[in-house]
Amino acid sequence: MSVFRAQALNTGQFSAWWAYFNLLLNKDGFLPPVEREMVAVVVSNINRCVYCAVSHGAALRGLLLQGGQPTSLEGVLAVNHRHAPIPPRLHAMLDFAEKLTRTPEAMQQGDLEPLRGHGLNDAQILELTQVVSMFNMTNRISSALGFVPNDEYHTFERG
């Protein structure tokens, strides 16, 4: 089933979800788009959500290419973000995303300190938390309904 066909079964809910999704991922925010897509890829891979991992992997490759970064970084992030050659700030963000995804009940106020230590302000921390949470919800919907990635996502920006 396609994402839009499934989501359109409840048009009001789909419209609300799509507006929020676009606000978090496709508009100017407190975090750069490439960082938001990195979070999407890491969370989707932790959750083993095929649709979101592949589709947001493609989006991330496009953003990496635009920023002059190696597109191979997407694959490293997908498998294990700890091996990715990224700044410590991003490692802290992705570690936070992983903990919130794997063990949300274990989150504590102290989990925000590494983020603050790398210069993230409250608005950026909130946005990071919202992106992680959006993908945890969207991953579950996509996996439960068996969404399959579009063919073009597999080859997008793969040279």
C-alpha atoms as a PDB file:
ATOM      1  CA  MET A   1       0.000   0.000   0.000  1.00  0.00           C
ATOM      2  CA  SER A   2       1.255   3.494  -0.732  1.00  0.00           C
ATOM      3  CA  VAL A   3       1.788   5.970   2.077  1.00  0.00           C
ATOM      4  CA  PHE A   4      -0.533   8.600   0.695  1.00  0.00           C
ATOM      5  CA  ARG A   5      -3.296   6.156  -0.198  1.00  0.00           C
ATOM      6  CA  ALA A   6      -3.273   4.691   3.293  1.00  0.00           C
ATOM      7  CA  GLN A   7      -3.042   8.020   5.077  1.00  0.00           C
ATOM      8  CA  ALA A   8      -5.801   9.518   2.899  1.00  0.00           C
ATOM      9  CA  LEU A   9      -8.296   7.022   4.318  1.00  0.00           C
ATOM     10  CA  ASN A  10      -8.621   9.493   7.189  1.00  0.00           C
ATOM     11  CA  THR A  11      -8.245  12.800   5.385  1.00  0.00           C
ATOM     12  CA  GLY A  12      -8.482  15.005   8.480  1.00  0.00           C
ATOM     13  CA  GLN A  13      -5.856  13.021  10.336  1.00  0.00           C
ATOM     14  CA  PHE A  14      -3.685  12.809   7.235  1.00  0.00           C
ATOM     15  CA  SER A  15      -3.868  16.573   6.709  1.00  0.00           C
ATOM     16  CA  ALA A  16      -2.873  17.225  10.328  1.00  0.00           C
ATOM     17  CA  TRP A  17      -0.044  14.672  10.168  1.00  0.00           C
ATOM     18  CA  TRP A  18       1.228  16.002   6.827  1.00  0.00           C
ATOM     19  CA  ALA A  19       1.173  19.620   8.035  1.00  0.00           C
ATOM     20  CA  TYR A  20       3.147  18.699  11.151  1.00  0.00           C
ATOM     21  CA  PHE A  21       5.539  16.465   9.203  1.00  0.00           C
ATOM     22  CA  ASN A  22       6.226  19.278   6.715  1.00  0.00           C
ATOM     23  CA  LEU A  23       6.694  21.759   9.543  1.00  0.00           C
ATOM     24  CA  LEU A  24       9.303  19.502  11.148  1.00  0.00           C
ATOM     25  CA  LEU A  25      11.133  18.282   8.040  1.00  0.00           C
ATOM     26  CA  ASN A  26      10.532  20.550   5.087  1.00  0.00           C
ATOM     27  CA  LYS A  27      10.444  24.087   6.492  1.00  0.00           C
ATOM     28  CA  ASP A  28      13.128  26.268   8.018  1.00  0.00           C
ATOM     29  CA  GLY A  29      13.614  25.175  11.578  1.00  0.00           C
ATOM     30  CA  PHE A  30      15.974  25.407  14.504  1.00  0.00           C
ATOM     31  CA  LEU A  31      18.104  22.534  13.158  1.00  0.00           C
ATOM     32  CA  PRO A  32      19.502  22.338   9.624  1.00  0.00           C
ATOM     33  CA  PRO A  33      17.568  20.053   7.229  1.00  0.00           C
ATOM     34  CA  VAL A  34      20.544  17.685   6.851  1.00  0.00           C
ATOM     35  CA  GLU A  35      20.611  17.098  10.614  1.00  0.00           C
ATOM     36  CA  ARG A  36      16.870  16.446  10.718  1.00  0.00           C
ATOM     37  CA  GLU A  37      17.249  13.891   7.908  1.00  0.00           C
ATOM     38  CA  MET A  38      20.169  12.252   9.731  1.00  0.00           C
ATOM     39  CA  VAL A  39      17.887  11.822  12.736  1.00  0.00           C
ATOM     40  CA  ALA A  40      15.187  10.383  10.475  1.00  0.00           C
ATOM     41  CA  VAL A  41      17.596   7.835   9.007  1.00  0.00           C
ATOM     42  CA  VAL A  42      19.029   6.763  12.356  1.00  0.00           C
ATOM     43  CA  VAL A  43      15.628   6.452  14.064  1.00  0.00           C
ATOM     44  CA  SER A  44      14.104   4.617  11.082  1.00  0.00           C
ATOM     45  CA  ASN A  45      16.978   2.149  10.991  1.00  0.00           C
ATOM     46  CA  ILE A  46      16.796   1.508  14.736  1.00  0.00           C
ATOM     47  CA  ASN A  47      13.096   0.778  14.253  1.00  0.00           C
ATOM     48  CA  ARG A  48      13.841  -1.295  11.142  1.00  0.00           C
ATOM     49  CA  CYS A  49      11.258   0.647   9.166  1.00  0.00           C
ATOM     50  CA  VAL A  50      12.051  -0.195   5.561  1.00  0.00           C
ATOM     51  CA  TYR A  51       9.936   2.521   3.969  1.00  0.00           C
ATOM     52  CA  CYS A  52      11.251   5.391   6.096  1.00  0.00           C
ATOM     53  CA  ALA A  53      14.867   4.181   6.146  1.00  0.00           C
ATOM     54  CA  VAL A  54      14.984   3.964   2.355  1.00  0.00           C
ATOM     55  CA  SER A  55      12.990   7.117   1.571  1.00  0.00           C
ATOM     56  CA  HIS A  56      14.807   9.303   4.101  1.00  0.00           C
ATOM     57  CA  GLY A  57      18.121   7.738   3.161  1.00  0.00           C
ATOM     58  CA  ALA A  58      17.455   9.031  -0.356  1.00  0.00           C
ATOM     59  CA  ALA A  59      16.550  12.484   0.973  1.00  0.00           C
ATOM     60  CA  LEU A  60      19.701  12.520   3.097  1.00  0.00           C
ATOM     61  CA  ARG A  61      21.895  11.554   0.130  1.00  0.00           C
ATOM     62  CA  GLY A  62      20.446  14.506  -1.779  1.00  0.00           C
ATOM     63  CA  LEU A  63      21.166  16.923   1.069  1.00  0.00           C
ATOM     64  CA  LEU A  64      24.680  15.540   1.546  1.00  0.00           C
ATOM     65  CA  LEU A  65      25.390  15.974  -2.153  1.00  0.00           C
ATOM     66  CA  GLN A  66      24.075  19.556  -2.069  1.00  0.00           C
ATOM     67  CA  GLY A  67      26.333  20.289   0.909  1.00  0.00           C
ATOM     68  CA  GLY A  68      29.397  18.795  -0.745  1.00  0.00           C
ATOM     69  CA  GLN A  69      29.579  15.905   1.716  1.00  0.00           C
ATOM     70  CA  PRO A  70      30.108  12.275   0.699  1.00  0.00           C
ATOM     71  CA  THR A  71      26.814  10.531   0.023  1.00  0.00           C
ATOM     72  CA  SER A  72      28.336   7.356   1.499  1.00  0.00           C
ATOM     73  CA  LEU A  73      27.762   8.945   4.912  1.00  0.00           C
ATOM     74  CA  GLU A  74      24.092   7.952   4.587  1.00  0.00           C
ATOM     75  CA  GLY A  75      25.013   4.276   4.608  1.00  0.00           C
ATOM     76  CA  VAL A  76      27.263   4.603   7.646  1.00  0.00           C
ATOM     77  CA  LEU A  77      24.535   6.451   9.533  1.00  0.00           C
ATOM     78  CA  ALA A  78      22.049   3.778   8.534  1.00  0.00           C
ATOM     79  CA  VAL A  79      24.142   0.954   9.965  1.00  0.00           C
ATOM     80  CA  ASN A  80      25.843   2.522  12.994  1.00  0.00           C
ATOM     81  CA  HIS A  81      26.002   6.272  13.545  1.00  0.00           C
ATOM     82  CA  ARG A  82      28.905   5.833  15.990  1.00  0.00           C
ATOM     83  CA  HIS A  83      31.175   5.025  13.041  1.00  0.00           C
ATOM     84  CA  ALA A  84      30.142   8.093  11.054  1.00  0.00           C
ATOM     85  CA  PRO A  85      32.733  10.834  10.564  1.00  0.00           C
ATOM     86  CA  ILE A  86      30.499  13.579  11.940  1.00  0.00           C
ATOM     87  CA  PRO A  87      31.083  16.329  14.503  1.00  0.00           C
ATOM     88  CA  PRO A  88      30.653  15.519  18.215  1.00  0.00           C
ATOM     89  CA  ARG A  89      27.514  17.692  18.284  1.00  0.00           C
ATOM     90  CA  LEU A  90      25.826  15.362  15.788  1.00  0.00           C
ATOM     91  CA  HIS A  91      26.993  12.290  17.669  1.00  0.00           C
ATOM     92  CA  ALA A  92      25.356  13.692  20.820  1.00  0.00           C
ATOM     93  CA  MET A  93      22.135  14.367  18.901  1.00  0.00           C
ATOM     94  CA  LEU A  94      22.043  10.881  17.392  1.00  0.00           C
ATOM     95  CA  ASP A  95      22.863   9.239  20.732  1.00  0.00           C
ATOM     96  CA  PHE A  96      19.931  11.160  22.242  1.00  0.00           C
ATOM     97  CA  ALA A  97      17.699  10.052  19.352  1.00  0.00           C
ATOM     98  CA  GLU A  98      18.746   6.447  19.863  1.00  0.00           C
ATOM     99  CA  LYS A  99      18.032   6.467  23.588  1.00  0.00           C
ATOM    100  CA  LEU A 100      14.655   8.160  23.116  1.00  0.00           C
ATOM    101  CA  THR A 101      13.793   5.560  20.469  1.00  0.00           C
ATOM    102  CA  ARG A 102      15.015   2.445  22.275  1.00  0.00           C
ATOM    103  CA  THR A 103      14.254   3.276  25.913  1.00  0.00           C
ATOM    104  CA  PRO A 104      11.959   6.292  26.226  1.00  0.00           C
ATOM    105  CA  GLU A 105      11.081   5.317  29.791  1.00  0.00           C
ATOM    106  CA  ALA A 106      14.739   5.733  30.780  1.00  0.00           C
ATOM    107  CA  MET A 107      15.008   9.348  29.611  1.00  0.00           C
ATOM    108  CA  GLN A 108      16.029  11.808  32.325  1.00  0.00           C
ATOM    109  CA  GLN A 109      16.732  15.514  32.578  1.00  0.00           C
ATOM    110  CA  GLY A 110      20.450  14.661  32.508  1.00  0.00           C
ATOM    111  CA  ASP A 111      20.094  13.329  28.951  1.00  0.00           C
ATOM    112  CA  LEU A 112      19.793  16.947  27.805  1.00  0.00           C
ATOM    113  CA  GLU A 113      23.172  17.978  29.220  1.00  0.00           C
ATOM    114  CA  PRO A 114      25.336  16.491  26.424  1.00  0.00           C
ATOM    115  CA  LEU A 115      23.164  18.396  23.927  1.00  0.00           C
ATOM    116  CA  ARG A 116      23.544  21.640  25.837  1.00  0.00           C
ATOM    117  CA  GLY A 117      27.251  20.925  26.200  1.00  0.00           C
ATOM    118  CA  HIS A 118      27.494  20.946  22.405  1.00  0.00           C
ATOM    119  CA  GLY A 119      25.685  24.260  22.133  1.00  0.00           C
ATOM    120  CA  LEU A 120      22.101  23.194  21.453  1.00  0.00           C
ATOM    121  CA  ASN A 121      19.553  25.601  22.870  1.00  0.00           C
ATOM    122  CA  ASP A 122      16.093  24.732  24.189  1.00  0.00           C
ATOM    123  CA  ALA A 123      14.383  25.359  20.827  1.00  0.00           C
ATOM    124  CA  GLN A 124      16.828  23.039  19.059  1.00  0.00           C
ATOM    125  CA  ILE A 125      16.437  20.352  21.732  1.00  0.00           C
ATOM    126  CA  LEU A 126      12.660  20.552  21.462  1.00  0.00           C
ATOM    127  CA  GLU A 127      12.813  20.295  17.667  1.00  0.00           C
ATOM    128  CA  LEU A 128      15.191  17.327  17.912  1.00  0.00           C
ATOM    129  CA  THR A 129      12.793  15.618  20.313  1.00  0.00           C
ATOM    130  CA  GLN A 130       9.844  16.342  18.021  1.00  0.00           C
ATOM    131  CA  VAL A 131      11.641  14.920  14.955  1.00  0.00           C
ATOM    132  CA  VAL A 132      12.633  11.775  16.864  1.00  0.00           C
ATOM    133  CA  SER A 133       9.066  11.364  18.107  1.00  0.00           C
ATOM    134  CA  MET A 134       7.535  11.995  14.678  1.00  0.00           C
ATOM    135  CA  PHE A 135       9.680   9.270  13.172  1.00  0.00           C
ATOM    136  CA  ASN A 136       8.940   6.805  15.915  1.00  0.00           C
ATOM    137  CA  MET A 137       5.224   7.276  15.231  1.00  0.00           C
ATOM    138  CA  THR A 138       5.589   7.303  11.446  1.00  0.00           C
ATOM    139  CA  ASN A 139       7.873   4.238  11.507  1.00  0.00           C
ATOM    140  CA  ARG A 140       5.245   2.287  13.398  1.00  0.00           C
ATOM    141  CA  ILE A 141       2.466   3.283  11.012  1.00  0.00           C
ATOM    142  CA  SER A 142       4.605   2.483   7.968  1.00  0.00           C
ATOM    143  CA  SER A 143       5.722  -0.878   9.333  1.00  0.00           C
ATOM    144  CA  ALA A 144       2.267  -1.895  10.537  1.00  0.00           C
ATOM    145  CA  LEU A 145       0.702  -1.169   7.147  1.00  0.00           C
ATOM    146  CA  GLY A 146       3.558  -2.663   5.139  1.00  0.00           C
ATOM    147  CA  PHE A 147       4.530   0.430   3.175  1.00  0.00           C
ATOM    148  CA  VAL A 148       7.035  -0.356   0.424  1.00  0.00           C
ATOM    149  CA  PRO A 149       9.570   2.243  -0.730  1.00  0.00           C
ATOM    150  CA  ASN A 150       9.163   3.702  -4.194  1.00  0.00           C
ATOM    151  CA  ASP A 151      11.674   2.246  -6.657  1.00  0.00           C
ATOM    152  CA  GLU A 152      13.322   5.612  -7.300  1.00  0.00           C
ATOM    153  CA  TYR A 153      14.314   5.944  -3.623  1.00  0.00           C
ATOM    154  CA  HIS A 154      16.724   3.018  -4.004  1.00  0.00           C
ATOM    155  CA  THR A 155      18.732   4.661  -6.769  1.00  0.00           C
ATOM    156  CA  PHE A 156      18.362   8.387  -5.970  1.00  0.00           C
ATOM    157  CA  GLU A 157      21.777  10.125  -5.866  1.00  0.00           C
ATOM    158  CA  ARG A 158      23.704   6.849  -6.047  1.00  0.00           C
ATOM    159  CA  GLY A 159      25.980   7.831  -8.934  1.00  0.00           C
END
